[in-house]
Amino acid sequence: MYIHFSSLFQSMYSSIASSGFPYLDPGSGSYLIQLLIAGLLGAGFTIRMFWGRIKNFFKREDPSSKDPGDE
């Protein structure tokens, strides 16, 4: 069984490893730009959804300015 796995690993490695250079497809640049735009739009949408929570997190309210009847 050990010989079987080692021969499988060796055949997989020899099929993956090659002496060629990596190739970037001409469409890779447009794909990376699409990923960047999608990430920015997703971040903007997420911030827009949670803007109230973000604002309340950074808002510093003076505890003495609250009315006692508001509790």
PDB file of N, CA and C in Angstrom:
ATOM      1  N   MET A   1       0.827  -1.183   0.000  1.00  0.00           N
ATOM      2  CA  MET A   1       0.000   0.000   0.000  1.00  0.00           C
ATOM      3  C   MET A   1       0.876   1.254   0.000  1.00  0.00           C
ATOM      4  N   TYR A   2       1.997   1.217   0.705  1.00  0.00           N
ATOM      5  CA  TYR A   2       2.900   2.359   0.752  1.00  0.00           C
ATOM      6  C   TYR A   2       3.466   2.659  -0.633  1.00  0.00           C
ATOM      7  N   ILE A   3       3.779   1.627  -1.377  1.00  0.00           N
ATOM      8  CA  ILE A   3       4.335   1.803  -2.721  1.00  0.00           C
ATOM      9  C   ILE A   3       3.286   2.412  -3.651  1.00  0.00           C
ATOM     10  N   HIS A   4       2.046   2.050  -3.457  1.00  0.00           N
ATOM     11  CA  HIS A   4       0.965   2.573  -4.293  1.00  0.00           C
ATOM     12  C   HIS A   4       0.823   4.090  -4.113  1.00  0.00           C
ATOM     13  N   PHE A   5       0.804   4.559  -2.865  1.00  0.00           N
ATOM     14  CA  PHE A   5       0.667   5.989  -2.622  1.00  0.00           C
ATOM     15  C   PHE A   5       1.883   6.767  -3.100  1.00  0.00           C
ATOM     16  N   SER A   6       3.066   6.216  -2.925  1.00  0.00           N
ATOM     17  CA  SER A   6       4.261   6.933  -3.362  1.00  0.00           C
ATOM     18  C   SER A   6       4.311   7.025  -4.884  1.00  0.00           C
ATOM     19  N   SER A   7       3.899   5.973  -5.579  1.00  0.00           N
ATOM     20  CA  SER A   7       3.890   6.048  -7.044  1.00  0.00           C
ATOM     21  C   SER A   7       2.810   7.006  -7.527  1.00  0.00           C
ATOM     22  N   LEU A   8       1.680   7.055  -6.832  1.00  0.00           N
ATOM     23  CA  LEU A   8       0.632   8.012  -7.171  1.00  0.00           C
ATOM     24  C   LEU A   8       1.124   9.442  -6.973  1.00  0.00           C
ATOM     25  N   PHE A   9       1.783   9.698  -5.861  1.00  0.00           N
ATOM     26  CA  PHE A   9       2.326  11.021  -5.595  1.00  0.00           C
ATOM     27  C   PHE A   9       3.368  11.407  -6.639  1.00  0.00           C
ATOM     28  N   GLN A  10       4.223  10.480  -6.990  1.00  0.00           N
ATOM     29  CA  GLN A  10       5.266  10.759  -7.971  1.00  0.00           C
ATOM     30  C   GLN A  10       4.663  11.055  -9.340  1.00  0.00           C
ATOM     31  N   SER A  11       3.642  10.330  -9.733  1.00  0.00           N
ATOM     32  CA  SER A  11       3.020  10.588 -11.033  1.00  0.00           C
ATOM     33  C   SER A  11       2.279  11.914 -11.034  1.00  0.00           C
ATOM     34  N   MET A  12       1.648  12.264  -9.905  1.00  0.00           N
ATOM     35  CA  MET A  12       0.962  13.561  -9.819  1.00  0.00           C
ATOM     36  C   MET A  12       1.970  14.701  -9.862  1.00  0.00           C
ATOM     37  N   TYR A  13       3.072  14.555  -9.160  1.00  0.00           N
ATOM     38  CA  TYR A  13       4.082  15.602  -9.132  1.00  0.00           C
ATOM     39  C   TYR A  13       4.716  15.789 -10.502  1.00  0.00           C
ATOM     40  N   SER A  14       4.989  14.702 -11.176  1.00  0.00           N
ATOM     41  CA  SER A  14       5.628  14.826 -12.486  1.00  0.00           C
ATOM     42  C   SER A  14       4.672  15.413 -13.509  1.00  0.00           C
ATOM     43  N   SER A  15       3.363  15.244 -13.340  1.00  0.00           N
ATOM     44  CA  SER A  15       2.418  15.831 -14.279  1.00  0.00           C
ATOM     45  C   SER A  15       2.204  17.314 -13.991  1.00  0.00           C
ATOM     46  N   ILE A  16       2.390  17.735 -12.736  1.00  0.00           N
ATOM     47  CA  ILE A  16       2.193  19.139 -12.373  1.00  0.00           C
ATOM     48  C   ILE A  16       3.462  19.944 -12.646  1.00  0.00           C
ATOM     49  N   ALA A  17       4.602  19.417 -12.234  1.00  0.00           N
ATOM     50  CA  ALA A  17       5.849  20.144 -12.389  1.00  0.00           C
ATOM     51  C   ALA A  17       6.271  20.113 -13.855  1.00  0.00           C
ATOM     52  N   SER A  18       6.563  21.285 -14.371  1.00  0.00           N
ATOM     53  CA  SER A  18       7.026  21.359 -15.756  1.00  0.00           C
ATOM     54  C   SER A  18       8.123  22.407 -15.850  1.00  0.00           C
ATOM     55  N   SER A  19       8.814  22.400 -16.948  1.00  0.00           N
ATOM     56  CA  SER A  19       9.894  23.360 -17.115  1.00  0.00           C
ATOM     57  C   SER A  19       9.421  24.635 -17.797  1.00  0.00           C
ATOM     58  N   GLY A  20       8.121  24.755 -18.076  1.00  0.00           N
ATOM     59  CA  GLY A  20       7.584  25.931 -18.746  1.00  0.00           C
ATOM     60  C   GLY A  20       7.405  27.100 -17.798  1.00  0.00           C
ATOM     61  N   PHE A  21       7.142  28.239 -18.358  1.00  0.00           N
ATOM     62  CA  PHE A  21       6.903  29.437 -17.570  1.00  0.00           C
ATOM     63  C   PHE A  21       5.406  29.612 -17.338  1.00  0.00           C
ATOM     64  N   PRO A  22       5.033  30.238 -16.237  1.00  0.00           N
ATOM     65  CA  PRO A  22       3.601  30.454 -16.000  1.00  0.00           C
ATOM     66  C   PRO A  22       3.022  31.394 -17.057  1.00  0.00           C
ATOM     67  N   TYR A  23       1.773  31.197 -17.372  1.00  0.00           N
ATOM     68  CA  TYR A  23       1.130  31.957 -18.435  1.00  0.00           C
ATOM     69  C   TYR A  23      -0.054  32.708 -17.864  1.00  0.00           C
ATOM     70  N   LEU A  24      -0.094  33.997 -18.094  1.00  0.00           N
ATOM     71  CA  LEU A  24      -1.245  34.807 -17.720  1.00  0.00           C
ATOM     72  C   LEU A  24      -2.078  35.051 -18.958  1.00  0.00           C
ATOM     73  N   ASP A  25      -3.303  34.675 -18.876  1.00  0.00           N
ATOM     74  CA  ASP A  25      -4.235  34.856 -19.970  1.00  0.00           C
ATOM     75  C   ASP A  25      -4.516  36.352 -20.156  1.00  0.00           C
ATOM     76  N   PRO A  26      -4.784  36.826 -21.374  1.00  0.00           N
ATOM     77  CA  PRO A  26      -5.109  38.245 -21.551  1.00  0.00           C
ATOM     78  C   PRO A  26      -6.352  38.677 -20.770  1.00  0.00           C
ATOM     79  N   GLY A  27      -7.241  37.756 -20.468  1.00  0.00           N
ATOM     80  CA  GLY A  27      -8.434  38.090 -19.697  1.00  0.00           C
ATOM     81  C   GLY A  27      -8.183  38.181 -18.203  1.00  0.00           C
ATOM     82  N   SER A  28      -6.986  37.845 -17.744  1.00  0.00           N
ATOM     83  CA  SER A  28      -6.691  37.871 -16.306  1.00  0.00           C
ATOM     84  C   SER A  28      -6.753  39.287 -15.745  1.00  0.00           C
ATOM     85  N   GLY A  29      -6.295  40.253 -16.522  1.00  0.00           N
ATOM     86  CA  GLY A  29      -6.326  41.633 -16.049  1.00  0.00           C
ATOM     87  C   GLY A  29      -7.750  42.126 -15.841  1.00  0.00           C
ATOM     88  N   SER A  30      -8.637  41.838 -16.781  1.00  0.00           N
ATOM     89  CA  SER A  30     -10.019  42.273 -16.627  1.00  0.00           C
ATOM     90  C   SER A  30     -10.690  41.533 -15.470  1.00  0.00           C
ATOM     91  N   TYR A  31     -10.313  40.273 -15.256  1.00  0.00           N
ATOM     92  CA  TYR A  31     -10.870  39.528 -14.131  1.00  0.00           C
ATOM     93  C   TYR A  31     -10.426  40.148 -12.807  1.00  0.00           C
ATOM     94  N   LEU A  32      -9.157  40.539 -12.705  1.00  0.00           N
ATOM     95  CA  LEU A  32      -8.676  41.174 -11.479  1.00  0.00           C
ATOM     96  C   LEU A  32      -9.358  42.516 -11.246  1.00  0.00           C
ATOM     97  N   ILE A  33      -9.614  43.262 -12.319  1.00  0.00           N
ATOM     98  CA  ILE A  33     -10.332  44.532 -12.183  1.00  0.00           C
ATOM     99  C   ILE A  33     -11.761  44.278 -11.716  1.00  0.00           C
ATOM    100  N   GLN A  34     -12.407  43.242 -12.238  1.00  0.00           N
ATOM    101  CA  GLN A  34     -13.754  42.898 -11.798  1.00  0.00           C
ATOM    102  C   GLN A  34     -13.770  42.514 -10.324  1.00  0.00           C
ATOM    103  N   LEU A  35     -12.766  41.778  -9.887  1.00  0.00           N
ATOM    104  CA  LEU A  35     -12.676  41.412  -8.473  1.00  0.00           C
ATOM    105  C   LEU A  35     -12.511  42.650  -7.590  1.00  0.00           C
ATOM    106  N   LEU A  36     -11.684  43.585  -8.030  1.00  0.00           N
ATOM    107  CA  LEU A  36     -11.464  44.808  -7.268  1.00  0.00           C
ATOM    108  C   LEU A  36     -12.741  45.633  -7.175  1.00  0.00           C
ATOM    109  N   ILE A  37     -13.432  45.799  -8.303  1.00  0.00           N
ATOM    110  CA  ILE A  37     -14.675  46.573  -8.311  1.00  0.00           C
ATOM    111  C   ILE A  37     -15.731  45.893  -7.446  1.00  0.00           C
ATOM    112  N   ALA A  38     -15.864  44.570  -7.556  1.00  0.00           N
ATOM    113  CA  ALA A  38     -16.842  43.845  -6.745  1.00  0.00           C
ATOM    114  C   ALA A  38     -16.525  43.967  -5.260  1.00  0.00           C
ATOM    115  N   GLY A  39     -15.252  43.918  -4.908  1.00  0.00           N
ATOM    116  CA  GLY A  39     -14.874  44.079  -3.502  1.00  0.00           C
ATOM    117  C   GLY A  39     -15.197  45.460  -2.970  1.00  0.00           C
ATOM    118  N   LEU A  40     -14.930  46.489  -3.780  1.00  0.00           N
ATOM    119  CA  LEU A  40     -15.240  47.856  -3.349  1.00  0.00           C
ATOM    120  C   LEU A  40     -16.745  48.071  -3.218  1.00  0.00           C
ATOM    121  N   LEU A  41     -17.507  47.571  -4.194  1.00  0.00           N
ATOM    122  CA  LEU A  41     -18.962  47.711  -4.109  1.00  0.00           C
ATOM    123  C   LEU A  41     -19.531  46.921  -2.929  1.00  0.00           C
ATOM    124  N   GLY A  42     -18.999  45.741  -2.677  1.00  0.00           N
ATOM    125  CA  GLY A  42     -19.452  44.952  -1.536  1.00  0.00           C
ATOM    126  C   GLY A  42     -19.148  45.633  -0.213  1.00  0.00           C
ATOM    127  N   ALA A  43     -17.955  46.215  -0.118  1.00  0.00           N
ATOM    128  CA  ALA A  43     -17.601  46.935   1.113  1.00  0.00           C
ATOM    129  C   ALA A  43     -18.488  48.160   1.294  1.00  0.00           C
ATOM    130  N   GLY A  44     -18.748  48.869   0.205  1.00  0.00           N
ATOM    131  CA  GLY A  44     -19.631  50.039   0.285  1.00  0.00           C
ATOM    132  C   GLY A  44     -21.043  49.657   0.691  1.00  0.00           C
ATOM    133  N   PHE A  45     -21.554  48.578   0.131  1.00  0.00           N
ATOM    134  CA  PHE A  45     -22.892  48.119   0.486  1.00  0.00           C
ATOM    135  C   PHE A  45     -22.961  47.695   1.950  1.00  0.00           C
ATOM    136  N   THR A  46     -21.930  47.004   2.424  1.00  0.00           N
ATOM    137  CA  THR A  46     -21.905  46.564   3.816  1.00  0.00           C
ATOM    138  C   THR A  46     -21.854  47.753   4.765  1.00  0.00           C
ATOM    139  N   ILE A  47     -21.034  48.740   4.430  1.00  0.00           N
ATOM    140  CA  ILE A  47     -20.958  49.938   5.272  1.00  0.00           C
ATOM    141  C   ILE A  47     -22.289  50.671   5.268  1.00  0.00           C
ATOM    142  N   ARG A  48     -22.942  50.727   4.110  1.00  0.00           N
ATOM    143  CA  ARG A  48     -24.235  51.407   4.021  1.00  0.00           C
ATOM    144  C   ARG A  48     -25.280  50.700   4.878  1.00  0.00           C
ATOM    145  N   MET A  49     -25.262  49.366   4.877  1.00  0.00           N
ATOM    146  CA  MET A  49     -26.236  48.616   5.675  1.00  0.00           C
ATOM    147  C   MET A  49     -26.038  48.833   7.173  1.00  0.00           C
ATOM    148  N   PHE A  50     -24.785  48.875   7.594  1.00  0.00           N
ATOM    149  CA  PHE A  50     -24.496  48.958   9.026  1.00  0.00           C
ATOM    150  C   PHE A  50     -24.060  50.356   9.458  1.00  0.00           C
ATOM    151  N   TRP A  51     -24.389  51.393   8.687  1.00  0.00           N
ATOM    152  CA  TRP A  51     -23.926  52.740   8.999  1.00  0.00           C
ATOM    153  C   TRP A  51     -24.433  53.226  10.360  1.00  0.00           C
ATOM    154  N   GLY A  52     -25.663  52.909  10.705  1.00  0.00           N
ATOM    155  CA  GLY A  52     -26.204  53.320  12.001  1.00  0.00           C
ATOM    156  C   GLY A  52     -25.431  52.705  13.156  1.00  0.00           C
ATOM    157  N   ARG A  53     -25.106  51.435  13.047  1.00  0.00           N
ATOM    158  CA  ARG A  53     -24.337  50.769  14.110  1.00  0.00           C
ATOM    159  C   ARG A  53     -22.916  51.313  14.184  1.00  0.00           C
ATOM    160  N   ILE A  54     -22.329  51.580  13.024  1.00  0.00           N
ATOM    161  CA  ILE A  54     -20.966  52.126  13.002  1.00  0.00           C
ATOM    162  C   ILE A  54     -20.958  53.503  13.638  1.00  0.00           C
ATOM    163  N   LYS A  55     -21.953  54.330  13.306  1.00  0.00           N
ATOM    164  CA  LYS A  55     -22.032  55.684  13.850  1.00  0.00           C
ATOM    165  C   LYS A  55     -22.256  55.655  15.359  1.00  0.00           C
ATOM    166  N   ASN A  56     -23.120  54.762  15.819  1.00  0.00           N
ATOM    167  CA  ASN A  56     -23.373  54.661  17.258  1.00  0.00           C
ATOM    168  C   ASN A  56     -22.158  54.133  18.010  1.00  0.00           C
ATOM    169  N   PHE A  57     -21.356  53.293  17.356  1.00  0.00           N
ATOM    170  CA  PHE A  57     -20.158  52.768  18.007  1.00  0.00           C
ATOM    171  C   PHE A  57     -19.157  53.884  18.294  1.00  0.00           C
ATOM    172  N   PHE A  58     -18.999  54.808  17.353  1.00  0.00           N
ATOM    173  CA  PHE A  58     -18.024  55.879  17.521  1.00  0.00           C
ATOM    174  C   PHE A  58     -18.604  57.128  18.175  1.00  0.00           C
ATOM    175  N   LYS A  59     -19.889  57.149  18.373  1.00  0.00           N
ATOM    176  CA  LYS A  59     -20.539  58.316  18.972  1.00  0.00           C
ATOM    177  C   LYS A  59     -20.287  58.324  20.474  1.00  0.00           C
ATOM    178  N   ARG A  60     -19.833  59.442  20.942  1.00  0.00           N
ATOM    179  CA  ARG A  60     -19.583  59.582  22.388  1.00  0.00           C
ATOM    180  C   ARG A  60     -20.622  60.535  22.955  1.00  0.00           C
ATOM    181  N   GLU A  61     -21.484  59.971  23.760  1.00  0.00           N
ATOM    182  CA  GLU A  61     -22.561  60.751  24.336  1.00  0.00           C
ATOM    183  C   GLU A  61     -22.263  60.983  25.816  1.00  0.00           C
ATOM    184  N   ASP A  62     -22.509  62.176  26.255  1.00  0.00           N
ATOM    185  CA  ASP A  62     -22.302  62.527  27.647  1.00  0.00           C
ATOM    186  C   ASP A  62     -23.434  61.925  28.480  1.00  0.00           C
ATOM    187  N   PRO A  63     -23.125  61.047  29.434  1.00  0.00           N
ATOM    188  CA  PRO A  63     -24.187  60.395  30.211  1.00  0.00           C
ATOM    189  C   PRO A  63     -25.005  61.384  31.028  1.00  0.00           C
ATOM    190  N   SER A  64     -24.424  62.521  31.405  1.00  0.00           N
ATOM    191  CA  SER A  64     -25.164  63.487  32.221  1.00  0.00           C
ATOM    192  C   SER A  64     -26.166  64.269  31.385  1.00  0.00           C
ATOM    193  N   SER A  65     -26.092  64.230  30.064  1.00  0.00           N
ATOM    194  CA  SER A  65     -27.019  64.977  29.222  1.00  0.00           C
ATOM    195  C   SER A  65     -28.319  64.239  28.981  1.00  0.00           C
ATOM    196  N   LYS A  66     -28.427  62.973  29.398  1.00  0.00           N
ATOM    197  CA  LYS A  66     -29.659  62.217  29.226  1.00  0.00           C
ATOM    198  C   LYS A  66     -30.699  62.674  30.251  1.00  0.00           C
ATOM    199  N   ASP A  67     -31.952  62.637  29.822  1.00  0.00           N
ATOM    200  CA  ASP A  67     -33.041  62.966  30.749  1.00  0.00           C
ATOM    201  C   ASP A  67     -33.295  61.764  31.643  1.00  0.00           C
ATOM    202  N   PRO A  68     -33.571  61.968  32.906  1.00  0.00           N
ATOM    203  CA  PRO A  68     -33.816  60.850  33.808  1.00  0.00           C
ATOM    204  C   PRO A  68     -35.080  60.073  33.438  1.00  0.00           C
ATOM    205  N   GLY A  69     -36.061  60.717  32.784  1.00  0.00           N
ATOM    206  CA  GLY A  69     -37.292  60.045  32.426  1.00  0.00           C
ATOM    207  C   GLY A  69     -37.178  59.178  31.199  1.00  0.00           C
ATOM    208  N   ASP A  70     -36.043  59.202  30.485  1.00  0.00           N
ATOM    209  CA  ASP A  70     -35.886  58.421  29.270  1.00  0.00           C
ATOM    210  C   ASP A  70     -35.624  56.942  29.539  1.00  0.00           C
ATOM    211  N   GLU A  71     -35.298  56.584  30.732  1.00  0.00           N
ATOM    212  CA  GLU A  71     -34.947  55.197  31.044  1.00  0.00           C
ATOM    213  C   GLU A  71     -36.130  54.375  31.170  1.00  0.00           C
TER     214      GLU A  71
END
